[in-house]
Amino acid sequence: MAFPTKAKYVIIGAGIHGLSTAWHLAEKIKKKGNGSNNDIVVIDKGGIASGASGIACGVVRNNYFQPAMRELMAHSVKVWESDPKTFHYHPIGYMQISPESMRKDVTSIYEQQKAI
């Protein structure tokens, strides 16, 4: 595919933030029923996830103490599970080992997770 000579939107950075911006912008354009395949261009000096996003540990967890983070992660997982092949999403499980002193907090987080 040739690099387009014009685009309505140019997003610099193909990491998690740039690609998320492009994804949500494309969804918005699609929902409005206007636009073409060349409306959004994402450019990166190195490639997809070649910066900080690519060196992240790749762990997906939902045991955040902040409720907003748990809800965000639950939403993200639903998106990834909608097309695991495209998103390269491979759930394999996660284990957290905590001291006994954290039992009450961890139990509370678990109960809140079930409610999401």
PDB file of N, CA and C in Angstrom:
ATOM      1  N   MET A   1       0.845  -1.163   0.000  1.00  0.00           N
ATOM      2  CA  MET A   1       0.000   0.000   0.000  1.00  0.00           C
ATOM      3  C   MET A   1       0.899   1.238   0.000  1.00  0.00           C
ATOM      4  N   ALA A   2       0.622   2.160  -0.887  1.00  0.00           N
ATOM      5  CA  ALA A   2       1.398   3.389  -0.981  1.00  0.00           C
ATOM      6  C   ALA A   2       1.020   4.346   0.143  1.00  0.00           C
ATOM      7  N   PHE A   3       1.986   5.110   0.566  1.00  0.00           N
ATOM      8  CA  PHE A   3       1.744   6.114   1.601  1.00  0.00           C
ATOM      9  C   PHE A   3       0.873   7.210   1.005  1.00  0.00           C
ATOM     10  N   PRO A   4      -0.246   7.546   1.645  1.00  0.00           N
ATOM     11  CA  PRO A   4      -1.144   8.563   1.084  1.00  0.00           C
ATOM     12  C   PRO A   4      -0.487   9.945   1.045  1.00  0.00           C
ATOM     13  N   THR A   5      -0.846  10.712   0.037  1.00  0.00           N
ATOM     14  CA  THR A   5      -0.305  12.069  -0.091  1.00  0.00           C
ATOM     15  C   THR A   5      -1.125  13.080   0.694  1.00  0.00           C
ATOM     16  N   LYS A   6      -2.353  12.716   1.054  1.00  0.00           N
ATOM     17  CA  LYS A   6      -3.229  13.592   1.832  1.00  0.00           C
ATOM     18  C   LYS A   6      -3.965  12.765   2.874  1.00  0.00           C
ATOM     19  N   ALA A   7      -4.274  13.397   3.983  1.00  0.00           N
ATOM     20  CA  ALA A   7      -5.083  12.759   5.026  1.00  0.00           C
ATOM     21  C   ALA A   7      -5.721  13.847   5.871  1.00  0.00           C
ATOM     22  N   LYS A   8      -6.941  13.586   6.326  1.00  0.00           N
ATOM     23  CA  LYS A   8      -7.607  14.549   7.210  1.00  0.00           C
ATOM     24  C   LYS A   8      -6.954  14.565   8.589  1.00  0.00           C
ATOM     25  N   TYR A   9      -6.510  13.390   9.038  1.00  0.00           N
ATOM     26  CA  TYR A   9      -5.927  13.264  10.374  1.00  0.00           C
ATOM     27  C   TYR A   9      -4.597  12.527  10.268  1.00  0.00           C
ATOM     28  N   VAL A  10      -3.566  13.085  10.863  1.00  0.00           N
ATOM     29  CA  VAL A  10      -2.262  12.436  10.932  1.00  0.00           C
ATOM     30  C   VAL A  10      -1.919  12.287  12.408  1.00  0.00           C
ATOM     31  N   ILE A  11      -1.707  11.064  12.817  1.00  0.00           N
ATOM     32  CA  ILE A  11      -1.376  10.769  14.212  1.00  0.00           C
ATOM     33  C   ILE A  11       0.084  10.340  14.252  1.00  0.00           C
ATOM     34  N   ILE A  12       0.856  11.013  15.066  1.00  0.00           N
ATOM     35  CA  ILE A  12       2.278  10.708  15.171  1.00  0.00           C
ATOM     36  C   ILE A  12       2.485   9.819  16.386  1.00  0.00           C
ATOM     37  N   GLY A  13       2.945   8.617  16.121  1.00  0.00           N
ATOM     38  CA  GLY A  13       3.199   7.652  17.177  1.00  0.00           C
ATOM     39  C   GLY A  13       2.280   6.455  17.066  1.00  0.00           C
ATOM     40  N   ALA A  14       2.866   5.280  16.865  1.00  0.00           N
ATOM     41  CA  ALA A  14       2.088   4.053  16.715  1.00  0.00           C
ATOM     42  C   ALA A  14       2.191   3.180  17.956  1.00  0.00           C
ATOM     43  N   GLY A  15       2.221   3.845  19.103  1.00  0.00           N
ATOM     44  CA  GLY A  15       2.193   3.128  20.373  1.00  0.00           C
ATOM     45  C   GLY A  15       0.753   3.011  20.844  1.00  0.00           C
ATOM     46  N   ILE A  16       0.574   2.683  22.088  1.00  0.00           N
ATOM     47  CA  ILE A  16      -0.765   2.449  22.629  1.00  0.00           C
ATOM     48  C   ILE A  16      -1.635   3.696  22.534  1.00  0.00           C
ATOM     49  N   HIS A  17      -1.076   4.861  22.775  1.00  0.00           N
ATOM     50  CA  HIS A  17      -1.883   6.083  22.739  1.00  0.00           C
ATOM     51  C   HIS A  17      -2.225   6.485  21.309  1.00  0.00           C
ATOM     52  N   GLY A  18      -1.249   6.438  20.412  1.00  0.00           N
ATOM     53  CA  GLY A  18      -1.509   6.800  19.020  1.00  0.00           C
ATOM     54  C   GLY A  18      -2.494   5.863  18.353  1.00  0.00           C
ATOM     55  N   LEU A  19      -2.304   4.555  18.549  1.00  0.00           N
ATOM     56  CA  LEU A  19      -3.210   3.589  17.920  1.00  0.00           C
ATOM     57  C   LEU A  19      -4.599   3.636  18.538  1.00  0.00           C
ATOM     58  N   SER A  20      -4.679   3.878  19.842  1.00  0.00           N
ATOM     59  CA  SER A  20      -5.987   4.016  20.481  1.00  0.00           C
ATOM     60  C   SER A  20      -6.713   5.241  19.940  1.00  0.00           C
ATOM     61  N   THR A  21      -5.975   6.332  19.779  1.00  0.00           N
ATOM     62  CA  THR A  21      -6.573   7.543  19.214  1.00  0.00           C
ATOM     63  C   THR A  21      -7.090   7.275  17.810  1.00  0.00           C
ATOM     64  N   ALA A  22      -6.282   6.616  16.990  1.00  0.00           N
ATOM     65  CA  ALA A  22      -6.689   6.298  15.618  1.00  0.00           C
ATOM     66  C   ALA A  22      -7.917   5.394  15.607  1.00  0.00           C
ATOM     67  N   TRP A  23      -7.925   4.395  16.463  1.00  0.00           N
ATOM     68  CA  TRP A  23      -9.046   3.447  16.543  1.00  0.00           C
ATOM     69  C   TRP A  23     -10.344   4.171  16.896  1.00  0.00           C
ATOM     70  N   HIS A  24     -10.304   4.969  17.955  1.00  0.00           N
ATOM     71  CA  HIS A  24     -11.516   5.659  18.394  1.00  0.00           C
ATOM     72  C   HIS A  24     -11.967   6.719  17.393  1.00  0.00           C
ATOM     73  N   LEU A  25     -11.026   7.375  16.760  1.00  0.00           N
ATOM     74  CA  LEU A  25     -11.372   8.350  15.724  1.00  0.00           C
ATOM     75  C   LEU A  25     -12.032   7.648  14.541  1.00  0.00           C
ATOM     76  N   ALA A  26     -11.490   6.508  14.134  1.00  0.00           N
ATOM     77  CA  ALA A  26     -12.083   5.741  13.028  1.00  0.00           C
ATOM     78  C   ALA A  26     -13.490   5.273  13.375  1.00  0.00           C
ATOM     79  N   GLU A  27     -13.687   4.826  14.608  1.00  0.00           N
ATOM     80  CA  GLU A  27     -15.020   4.407  15.040  1.00  0.00           C
ATOM     81  C   GLU A  27     -16.004   5.576  14.973  1.00  0.00           C
ATOM     82  N   LYS A  28     -15.557   6.745  15.392  1.00  0.00           N
ATOM     83  CA  LYS A  28     -16.411   7.932  15.376  1.00  0.00           C
ATOM     84  C   LYS A  28     -16.763   8.321  13.937  1.00  0.00           C
ATOM     85  N   ILE A  29     -15.778   8.303  13.053  1.00  0.00           N
ATOM     86  CA  ILE A  29     -16.008   8.631  11.643  1.00  0.00           C
ATOM     87  C   ILE A  29     -16.963   7.616  11.019  1.00  0.00           C
ATOM     88  N   LYS A  30     -16.744   6.337  11.320  1.00  0.00           N
ATOM     89  CA  LYS A  30     -17.603   5.275  10.777  1.00  0.00           C
ATOM     90  C   LYS A  30     -19.040   5.444  11.256  1.00  0.00           C
ATOM     91  N   LYS A  31     -19.207   5.757  12.545  1.00  0.00           N
ATOM     92  CA  LYS A  31     -20.541   5.929  13.121  1.00  0.00           C
ATOM     93  C   LYS A  31     -21.288   7.082  12.451  1.00  0.00           C
ATOM     94  N   LYS A  32     -20.551   8.130  12.090  1.00  0.00           N
ATOM     95  CA  LYS A  32     -21.175   9.270  11.414  1.00  0.00           C
ATOM     96  C   LYS A  32     -21.491   8.963   9.952  1.00  0.00           C
ATOM     97  N   GLY A  33     -20.898   7.890   9.422  1.00  0.00           N
ATOM     98  CA  GLY A  33     -21.190   7.486   8.046  1.00  0.00           C
ATOM     99  C   GLY A  33     -20.452   8.270   6.984  1.00  0.00           C
ATOM    100  N   ASN A  34     -19.393   8.952   7.387  1.00  0.00           N
ATOM    101  CA  ASN A  34     -18.612   9.643   6.369  1.00  0.00           C
ATOM    102  C   ASN A  34     -17.143   9.292   6.527  1.00  0.00           C
ATOM    103  N   GLY A  35     -16.382   9.536   5.492  1.00  0.00           N
ATOM    104  CA  GLY A  35     -14.961   9.246   5.558  1.00  0.00           C
ATOM    105  C   GLY A  35     -14.562   8.182   4.564  1.00  0.00           C
ATOM    106  N   SER A  36     -13.254   8.002   4.451  1.00  0.00           N
ATOM    107  CA  SER A  36     -12.713   6.987   3.550  1.00  0.00           C
ATOM    108  C   SER A  36     -11.554   6.286   4.239  1.00  0.00           C
ATOM    109  N   ASN A  37     -10.961   5.329   3.553  1.00  0.00           N
ATOM    110  CA  ASN A  37      -9.858   4.566   4.136  1.00  0.00           C
ATOM    111  C   ASN A  37      -8.592   5.395   4.330  1.00  0.00           C
ATOM    112  N   ASN A  38      -8.521   6.564   3.707  1.00  0.00           N
ATOM    113  CA  ASN A  38      -7.320   7.390   3.814  1.00  0.00           C
ATOM    114  C   ASN A  38      -7.503   8.599   4.722  1.00  0.00           C
ATOM    115  N   ASP A  39      -8.544   8.632   5.524  1.00  0.00           N
ATOM    116  CA  ASP A  39      -8.781   9.774   6.406  1.00  0.00           C
ATOM    117  C   ASP A  39      -7.772   9.857   7.537  1.00  0.00           C
ATOM    118  N   ILE A  40      -7.323   8.710   8.025  1.00  0.00           N
ATOM    119  CA  ILE A  40      -6.431   8.670   9.185  1.00  0.00           C
ATOM    120  C   ILE A  40      -5.129   7.983   8.787  1.00  0.00           C
ATOM    121  N   VAL A  41      -4.025   8.643   9.082  1.00  0.00           N
ATOM    122  CA  VAL A  41      -2.709   8.059   8.844  1.00  0.00           C
ATOM    123  C   VAL A  41      -1.960   8.075  10.169  1.00  0.00           C
ATOM    124  N   VAL A  42      -1.381   6.940  10.525  1.00  0.00           N
ATOM    125  CA  VAL A  42      -0.559   6.841  11.728  1.00  0.00           C
ATOM    126  C   VAL A  42       0.885   6.646  11.272  1.00  0.00           C
ATOM    127  N   ILE A  43       1.762   7.501  11.749  1.00  0.00           N
ATOM    128  CA  ILE A  43       3.175   7.362  11.397  1.00  0.00           C
ATOM    129  C   ILE A  43       3.999   7.219  12.670  1.00  0.00           C
ATOM    130  N   ASP A  44       5.097   6.497  12.537  1.00  0.00           N
ATOM    131  CA  ASP A  44       5.987   6.289  13.672  1.00  0.00           C
ATOM    132  C   ASP A  44       7.401   6.159  13.128  1.00  0.00           C
ATOM    133  N   LYS A  45       8.359   6.687  13.825  1.00  0.00           N
ATOM    134  CA  LYS A  45       9.734   6.639  13.328  1.00  0.00           C
ATOM    135  C   LYS A  45      10.294   5.218  13.285  1.00  0.00           C
ATOM    136  N   GLY A  46       9.735   4.321  14.092  1.00  0.00           N
ATOM    137  CA  GLY A  46      10.277   2.971  14.135  1.00  0.00           C
ATOM    138  C   GLY A  46       9.311   1.881  13.724  1.00  0.00           C
ATOM    139  N   GLY A  47       8.043   2.036  13.999  1.00  0.00           N
ATOM    140  CA  GLY A  47       7.062   1.005  13.700  1.00  0.00           C
ATOM    141  C   GLY A  47       6.084   0.848  14.845  1.00  0.00           C
ATOM    142  N   ILE A  48       5.139  -0.046  14.650  1.00  0.00           N
ATOM    143  CA  ILE A  48       4.103  -0.268  15.659  1.00  0.00           C
ATOM    144  C   ILE A  48       4.733  -0.767  16.959  1.00  0.00           C
ATOM    145  N   ALA A  49       4.406  -0.096  18.029  1.00  0.00           N
ATOM    146  CA  ALA A  49       4.862  -0.456  19.379  1.00  0.00           C
ATOM    147  C   ALA A  49       6.380  -0.577  19.478  1.00  0.00           C
ATOM    148  N   SER A  50       7.097   0.233  18.716  1.00  0.00           N
ATOM    149  CA  SER A  50       8.559   0.147  18.746  1.00  0.00           C
ATOM    150  C   SER A  50       9.179   0.992  19.861  1.00  0.00           C
ATOM    151  N   GLY A  51       8.360   1.808  20.514  1.00  0.00           N
ATOM    152  CA  GLY A  51       8.864   2.634  21.612  1.00  0.00           C
ATOM    153  C   GLY A  51       8.476   2.045  22.950  1.00  0.00           C
ATOM    154  N   ALA A  52       8.005   2.890  23.843  1.00  0.00           N
ATOM    155  CA  ALA A  52       7.674   2.469  25.208  1.00  0.00           C
ATOM    156  C   ALA A  52       6.587   1.403  25.244  1.00  0.00           C
ATOM    157  N   SER A  53       5.609   1.479  24.333  1.00  0.00           N
ATOM    158  CA  SER A  53       4.528   0.480  24.332  1.00  0.00           C
ATOM    159  C   SER A  53       5.064  -0.915  24.043  1.00  0.00           C
ATOM    160  N   GLY A  54       6.087  -1.000  23.207  1.00  0.00           N
ATOM    161  CA  GLY A  54       6.640  -2.293  22.828  1.00  0.00           C
ATOM    162  C   GLY A  54       7.528  -2.919  23.874  1.00  0.00           C
ATOM    163  N   ILE A  55       8.028  -2.110  24.795  1.00  0.00           N
ATOM    164  CA  ILE A  55       8.898  -2.681  25.820  1.00  0.00           C
ATOM    165  C   ILE A  55       8.161  -2.907  27.138  1.00  0.00           C
ATOM    166  N   ALA A  56       6.855  -2.644  27.141  1.00  0.00           N
ATOM    167  CA  ALA A  56       6.051  -2.909  28.339  1.00  0.00           C
ATOM    168  C   ALA A  56       6.051  -4.415  28.594  1.00  0.00           C
ATOM    169  N   CYS A  57       5.789  -4.799  29.798  1.00  0.00           N
ATOM    170  CA  CYS A  57       5.862  -6.222  30.146  1.00  0.00           C
ATOM    171  C   CYS A  57       4.725  -7.048  29.553  1.00  0.00           C
ATOM    172  N   GLY A  58       3.679  -6.405  29.073  1.00  0.00           N
ATOM    173  CA  GLY A  58       2.605  -7.134  28.415  1.00  0.00           C
ATOM    174  C   GLY A  58       1.615  -7.790  29.355  1.00  0.00           C
ATOM    175  N   VAL A  59       1.655  -7.452  30.618  1.00  0.00           N
ATOM    176  CA  VAL A  59       0.748  -8.051  31.590  1.00  0.00           C
ATOM    177  C   VAL A  59      -0.586  -7.312  31.573  1.00  0.00           C
ATOM    178  N   VAL A  60      -1.659  -8.079  31.502  1.00  0.00           N
ATOM    179  CA  VAL A  60      -3.002  -7.514  31.607  1.00  0.00           C
ATOM    180  C   VAL A  60      -3.552  -7.972  32.951  1.00  0.00           C
ATOM    181  N   ARG A  61      -3.845  -7.031  33.800  1.00  0.00           N
ATOM    182  CA  ARG A  61      -4.382  -7.375  35.112  1.00  0.00           C
ATOM    183  C   ARG A  61      -5.536  -6.442  35.426  1.00  0.00           C
ATOM    184  N   ASN A  62      -6.351  -6.844  36.367  1.00  0.00           N
ATOM    185  CA  ASN A  62      -7.508  -6.031  36.717  1.00  0.00           C
ATOM    186  C   ASN A  62      -7.617  -5.845  38.224  1.00  0.00           C
ATOM    187  N   ASN A  63      -6.516  -5.980  38.917  1.00  0.00           N
ATOM    188  CA  ASN A  63      -6.576  -5.859  40.377  1.00  0.00           C
ATOM    189  C   ASN A  63      -6.059  -4.510  40.862  1.00  0.00           C
ATOM    190  N   TYR A  64      -6.457  -3.463  40.165  1.00  0.00           N
ATOM    191  CA  TYR A  64      -6.080  -2.110  40.565  1.00  0.00           C
ATOM    192  C   TYR A  64      -6.901  -1.678  41.781  1.00  0.00           C
ATOM    193  N   PHE A  65      -6.306  -0.860  42.614  1.00  0.00           N
ATOM    194  CA  PHE A  65      -7.035  -0.336  43.767  1.00  0.00           C
ATOM    195  C   PHE A  65      -8.016   0.757  43.356  1.00  0.00           C
ATOM    196  N   GLN A  66      -7.745   1.444  42.246  1.00  0.00           N
ATOM    197  CA  GLN A  66      -8.623   2.518  41.786  1.00  0.00           C
ATOM    198  C   GLN A  66      -9.763   1.931  40.951  1.00  0.00           C
ATOM    199  N   PRO A  67     -11.016   2.168  41.335  1.00  0.00           N
ATOM    200  CA  PRO A  67     -12.161   1.628  40.586  1.00  0.00           C
ATOM    201  C   PRO A  67     -12.155   2.031  39.112  1.00  0.00           C
ATOM    202  N   ALA A  68     -11.759   3.256  38.804  1.00  0.00           N
ATOM    203  CA  ALA A  68     -11.747   3.701  37.401  1.00  0.00           C
ATOM    204  C   ALA A  68     -10.786   2.860  36.570  1.00  0.00           C
ATOM    205  N   MET A  69      -9.656   2.479  37.135  1.00  0.00           N
ATOM    206  CA  MET A  69      -8.692   1.641  36.405  1.00  0.00           C
ATOM    207  C   MET A  69      -9.252   0.244  36.172  1.00  0.00           C
ATOM    208  N   ARG A  70      -9.963  -0.303  37.158  1.00  0.00           N
ATOM    209  CA  ARG A  70     -10.570  -1.631  36.979  1.00  0.00           C
ATOM    210  C   ARG A  70     -11.603  -1.594  35.865  1.00  0.00           C
ATOM    211  N   GLU A  71     -12.420  -0.537  35.836  1.00  0.00           N
ATOM    212  CA  GLU A  71     -13.453  -0.419  34.803  1.00  0.00           C
ATOM    213  C   GLU A  71     -12.827  -0.228  33.427  1.00  0.00           C
ATOM    214  N   LEU A  72     -11.773   0.568  33.357  1.00  0.00           N
ATOM    215  CA  LEU A  72     -11.076   0.771  32.088  1.00  0.00           C
ATOM    216  C   LEU A  72     -10.488  -0.542  31.583  1.00  0.00           C
ATOM    217  N   MET A  73      -9.861  -1.304  32.468  1.00  0.00           N
ATOM    218  CA  MET A  73      -9.266  -2.571  32.066  1.00  0.00           C
ATOM    219  C   MET A  73     -10.339  -3.566  31.634  1.00  0.00           C
ATOM    220  N   ALA A  74     -11.461  -3.617  32.330  1.00  0.00           N
ATOM    221  CA  ALA A  74     -12.549  -4.523  31.948  1.00  0.00           C
ATOM    222  C   ALA A  74     -13.066  -4.166  30.557  1.00  0.00           C
ATOM    223  N   HIS A  75     -13.218  -2.878  30.284  1.00  0.00           N
ATOM    224  CA  HIS A  75     -13.653  -2.431  28.951  1.00  0.00           C
ATOM    225  C   HIS A  75     -12.615  -2.828  27.901  1.00  0.00           C
ATOM    226  N   SER A  76     -11.341  -2.606  28.195  1.00  0.00           N
ATOM    227  CA  SER A  76     -10.276  -2.940  27.251  1.00  0.00           C
ATOM    228  C   SER A  76     -10.270  -4.428  26.930  1.00  0.00           C
ATOM    229  N   VAL A  77     -10.419  -5.256  27.941  1.00  0.00           N
ATOM    230  CA  VAL A  77     -10.427  -6.703  27.723  1.00  0.00           C
ATOM    231  C   VAL A  77     -11.595  -7.105  26.823  1.00  0.00           C
ATOM    232  N   LYS A  78     -12.759  -6.488  27.003  1.00  0.00           N
ATOM    233  CA  LYS A  78     -13.901  -6.787  26.126  1.00  0.00           C
ATOM    234  C   LYS A  78     -13.570  -6.458  24.676  1.00  0.00           C
ATOM    235  N   VAL A  79     -12.904  -5.334  24.456  1.00  0.00           N
ATOM    236  CA  VAL A  79     -12.506  -4.963  23.087  1.00  0.00           C
ATOM    237  C   VAL A  79     -11.521  -5.989  22.546  1.00  0.00           C
ATOM    238  N   TRP A  80     -10.499  -6.347  23.313  1.00  0.00           N
ATOM    239  CA  TRP A  80      -9.496  -7.304  22.851  1.00  0.00           C
ATOM    240  C   TRP A  80     -10.111  -8.670  22.594  1.00  0.00           C
ATOM    241  N   GLU A  81     -11.026  -9.094  23.465  1.00  0.00           N
ATOM    242  CA  GLU A  81     -11.666 -10.399  23.285  1.00  0.00           C
ATOM    243  C   GLU A  81     -12.603 -10.425  22.083  1.00  0.00           C
ATOM    244  N   SER A  82     -13.043  -9.250  21.616  1.00  0.00           N
ATOM    245  CA  SER A  82     -13.934  -9.213  20.457  1.00  0.00           C
ATOM    246  C   SER A  82     -13.225  -9.678  19.189  1.00  0.00           C
ATOM    247  N   ASP A  83     -11.899  -9.561  19.139  1.00  0.00           N
ATOM    248  CA  ASP A  83     -11.128 -10.010  17.982  1.00  0.00           C
ATOM    249  C   ASP A  83      -9.691 -10.289  18.425  1.00  0.00           C
ATOM    250  N   PRO A  84      -9.495 -11.387  19.156  1.00  0.00           N
ATOM    251  CA  PRO A  84      -8.178 -11.662  19.732  1.00  0.00           C
ATOM    252  C   PRO A  84      -7.061 -11.766  18.693  1.00  0.00           C
ATOM    253  N   LYS A  85      -7.382 -12.268  17.512  1.00  0.00           N
ATOM    254  CA  LYS A  85      -6.349 -12.432  16.483  1.00  0.00           C
ATOM    255  C   LYS A  85      -5.826 -11.072  16.030  1.00  0.00           C
ATOM    256  N   THR A  86      -6.735 -10.154  15.738  1.00  0.00           N
ATOM    257  CA  THR A  86      -6.326  -8.821  15.288  1.00  0.00           C
ATOM    258  C   THR A  86      -5.541  -8.089  16.363  1.00  0.00           C
ATOM    259  N   PHE A  87      -5.984  -8.209  17.617  1.00  0.00           N
ATOM    260  CA  PHE A  87      -5.334  -7.488  18.712  1.00  0.00           C
ATOM    261  C   PHE A  87      -4.158  -8.257  19.322  1.00  0.00           C
ATOM    262  N   HIS A  88      -3.886  -9.470  18.818  1.00  0.00           N
ATOM    263  CA  HIS A  88      -2.813 -10.314  19.358  1.00  0.00           C
ATOM    264  C   HIS A  88      -2.999 -10.516  20.862  1.00  0.00           C
ATOM    265  N   TYR A  89      -4.237 -10.810  21.231  1.00  0.00           N
ATOM    266  CA  TYR A  89      -4.584 -10.971  22.644  1.00  0.00           C
ATOM    267  C   TYR A  89      -4.595 -12.455  22.979  1.00  0.00           C
ATOM    268  N   HIS A  90      -3.738 -12.851  23.914  1.00  0.00           N
ATOM    269  CA  HIS A  90      -3.611 -14.255  24.304  1.00  0.00           C
ATOM    270  C   HIS A  90      -3.697 -14.370  25.825  1.00  0.00           C
ATOM    271  N   PRO A  91      -4.914 -14.468  26.380  1.00  0.00           N
ATOM    272  CA  PRO A  91      -5.025 -14.568  27.838  1.00  0.00           C
ATOM    273  C   PRO A  91      -4.451 -15.894  28.344  1.00  0.00           C
ATOM    274  N   ILE A  92      -3.607 -15.815  29.355  1.00  0.00           N
ATOM    275  CA  ILE A  92      -3.000 -17.031  29.888  1.00  0.00           C
ATOM    276  C   ILE A  92      -3.160 -17.154  31.395  1.00  0.00           C
ATOM    277  N   GLY A  93      -3.796 -16.173  32.006  1.00  0.00           N
ATOM    278  CA  GLY A  93      -3.984 -16.230  33.452  1.00  0.00           C
ATOM    279  C   GLY A  93      -3.042 -15.285  34.170  1.00  0.00           C
ATOM    280  N   TYR A  94      -3.320 -15.067  35.427  1.00  0.00           N
ATOM    281  CA  TYR A  94      -2.543 -14.128  36.225  1.00  0.00           C
ATOM    282  C   TYR A  94      -2.680 -14.533  37.685  1.00  0.00           C
ATOM    283  N   MET A  95      -1.584 -14.508  38.396  1.00  0.00           N
ATOM    284  CA  MET A  95      -1.637 -14.845  39.813  1.00  0.00           C
ATOM    285  C   MET A  95      -0.995 -13.720  40.614  1.00  0.00           C
ATOM    286  N   GLN A  96      -1.665 -13.333  41.667  1.00  0.00           N
ATOM    287  CA  GLN A  96      -1.106 -12.328  42.571  1.00  0.00           C
ATOM    288  C   GLN A  96      -0.931 -12.981  43.928  1.00  0.00           C
ATOM    289  N   ILE A  97       0.236 -12.812  44.475  1.00  0.00           N
ATOM    290  CA  ILE A  97       0.509 -13.318  45.818  1.00  0.00           C
ATOM    291  C   ILE A  97       0.685 -12.106  46.724  1.00  0.00           C
ATOM    292  N   SER A  98      -0.131 -12.031  47.755  1.00  0.00           N
ATOM    293  CA  SER A  98      -0.119 -10.872  48.646  1.00  0.00           C
ATOM    294  C   SER A  98       0.043 -11.333  50.084  1.00  0.00           C
ATOM    295  N   PRO A  99       0.578 -10.467  50.912  1.00  0.00           N
ATOM    296  CA  PRO A  99       0.677 -10.822  52.330  1.00  0.00           C
ATOM    297  C   PRO A  99      -0.712 -10.862  52.972  1.00  0.00           C
ATOM    298  N   GLU A 100      -0.814 -11.578  54.042  1.00  0.00           N
ATOM    299  CA  GLU A 100      -2.086 -11.718  54.762  1.00  0.00           C
ATOM    300  C   GLU A 100      -2.682 -10.359  55.119  1.00  0.00           C
ATOM    301  N   SER A 101      -1.835  -9.386  55.377  1.00  0.00           N
ATOM    302  CA  SER A 101      -2.326  -8.060  55.761  1.00  0.00           C
ATOM    303  C   SER A 101      -3.133  -7.381  54.645  1.00  0.00           C
ATOM    304  N   MET A 102      -3.020  -7.874  53.427  1.00  0.00           N
ATOM    305  CA  MET A 102      -3.766  -7.288  52.301  1.00  0.00           C
ATOM    306  C   MET A 102      -5.046  -8.053  51.965  1.00  0.00           C
ATOM    307  N   ARG A 103      -5.324  -9.118  52.714  1.00  0.00           N
ATOM    308  CA  ARG A 103      -6.473  -9.967  52.385  1.00  0.00           C
ATOM    309  C   ARG A 103      -7.771  -9.168  52.237  1.00  0.00           C
ATOM    310  N   LYS A 104      -8.055  -8.285  53.186  1.00  0.00           N
ATOM    311  CA  LYS A 104      -9.305  -7.519  53.151  1.00  0.00           C
ATOM    312  C   LYS A 104      -9.378  -6.659  51.880  1.00  0.00           C
ATOM    313  N   ASP A 105      -8.283  -5.960  51.549  1.00  0.00           N
ATOM    314  CA  ASP A 105      -8.268  -5.110  50.353  1.00  0.00           C
ATOM    315  C   ASP A 105      -8.412  -5.934  49.075  1.00  0.00           C
ATOM    316  N   VAL A 106      -7.669  -7.014  48.978  1.00  0.00           N
ATOM    317  CA  VAL A 106      -7.718  -7.853  47.773  1.00  0.00           C
ATOM    318  C   VAL A 106      -9.096  -8.490  47.618  1.00  0.00           C
ATOM    319  N   THR A 107      -9.694  -8.921  48.716  1.00  0.00           N
ATOM    320  CA  THR A 107     -11.047  -9.487  48.669  1.00  0.00           C
ATOM    321  C   THR A 107     -12.048  -8.442  48.199  1.00  0.00           C
ATOM    322  N   SER A 108     -11.905  -7.228  48.677  1.00  0.00           N
ATOM    323  CA  SER A 108     -12.795  -6.139  48.258  1.00  0.00           C
ATOM    324  C   SER A 108     -12.655  -5.867  46.756  1.00  0.00           C
ATOM    325  N   ILE A 109     -11.427  -5.849  46.273  1.00  0.00           N
ATOM    326  CA  ILE A 109     -11.199  -5.634  44.837  1.00  0.00           C
ATOM    327  C   ILE A 109     -11.846  -6.752  44.030  1.00  0.00           C
ATOM    328  N   TYR A 110     -11.684  -7.980  44.479  1.00  0.00           N
ATOM    329  CA  TYR A 110     -12.284  -9.125  43.781  1.00  0.00           C
ATOM    330  C   TYR A 110     -13.804  -8.986  43.705  1.00  0.00           C
ATOM    331  N   GLU A 111     -14.432  -8.617  44.787  1.00  0.00           N
ATOM    332  CA  GLU A 111     -15.889  -8.444  44.800  1.00  0.00           C
ATOM    333  C   GLU A 111     -16.311  -7.325  43.847  1.00  0.00           C
ATOM    334  N   GLN A 112     -15.543  -6.261  43.821  1.00  0.00           N
ATOM    335  CA  GLN A 112     -15.856  -5.156  42.907  1.00  0.00           C
ATOM    336  C   GLN A 112     -15.648  -5.565  41.448  1.00  0.00           C
ATOM    337  N   GLN A 113     -14.636  -6.389  41.191  1.00  0.00           N
ATOM    338  CA  GLN A 113     -14.396  -6.880  39.828  1.00  0.00           C
ATOM    339  C   GLN A 113     -15.587  -7.690  39.324  1.00  0.00           C
ATOM    340  N   LYS A 114     -16.119  -8.525  40.182  1.00  0.00           N
ATOM    341  CA  LYS A 114     -17.257  -9.364  39.775  1.00  0.00           C
ATOM    342  C   LYS A 114     -18.461  -8.520  39.396  1.00  0.00           C
ATOM    343  N   ALA A 115     -18.577  -7.327  39.991  1.00  0.00           N
ATOM    344  CA  ALA A 115     -19.728  -6.460  39.731  1.00  0.00           C
ATOM    345  C   ALA A 115     -19.598  -5.666  38.421  1.00  0.00           C
ATOM    346  N   ILE A 116     -18.400  -5.632  37.864  1.00  0.00           N
ATOM    347  CA  ILE A 116     -18.186  -4.862  36.618  1.00  0.00           C
ATOM    348  C   ILE A 116     -18.786  -5.606  35.437  1.00  0.00           C
TER     349      ILE A 116
END
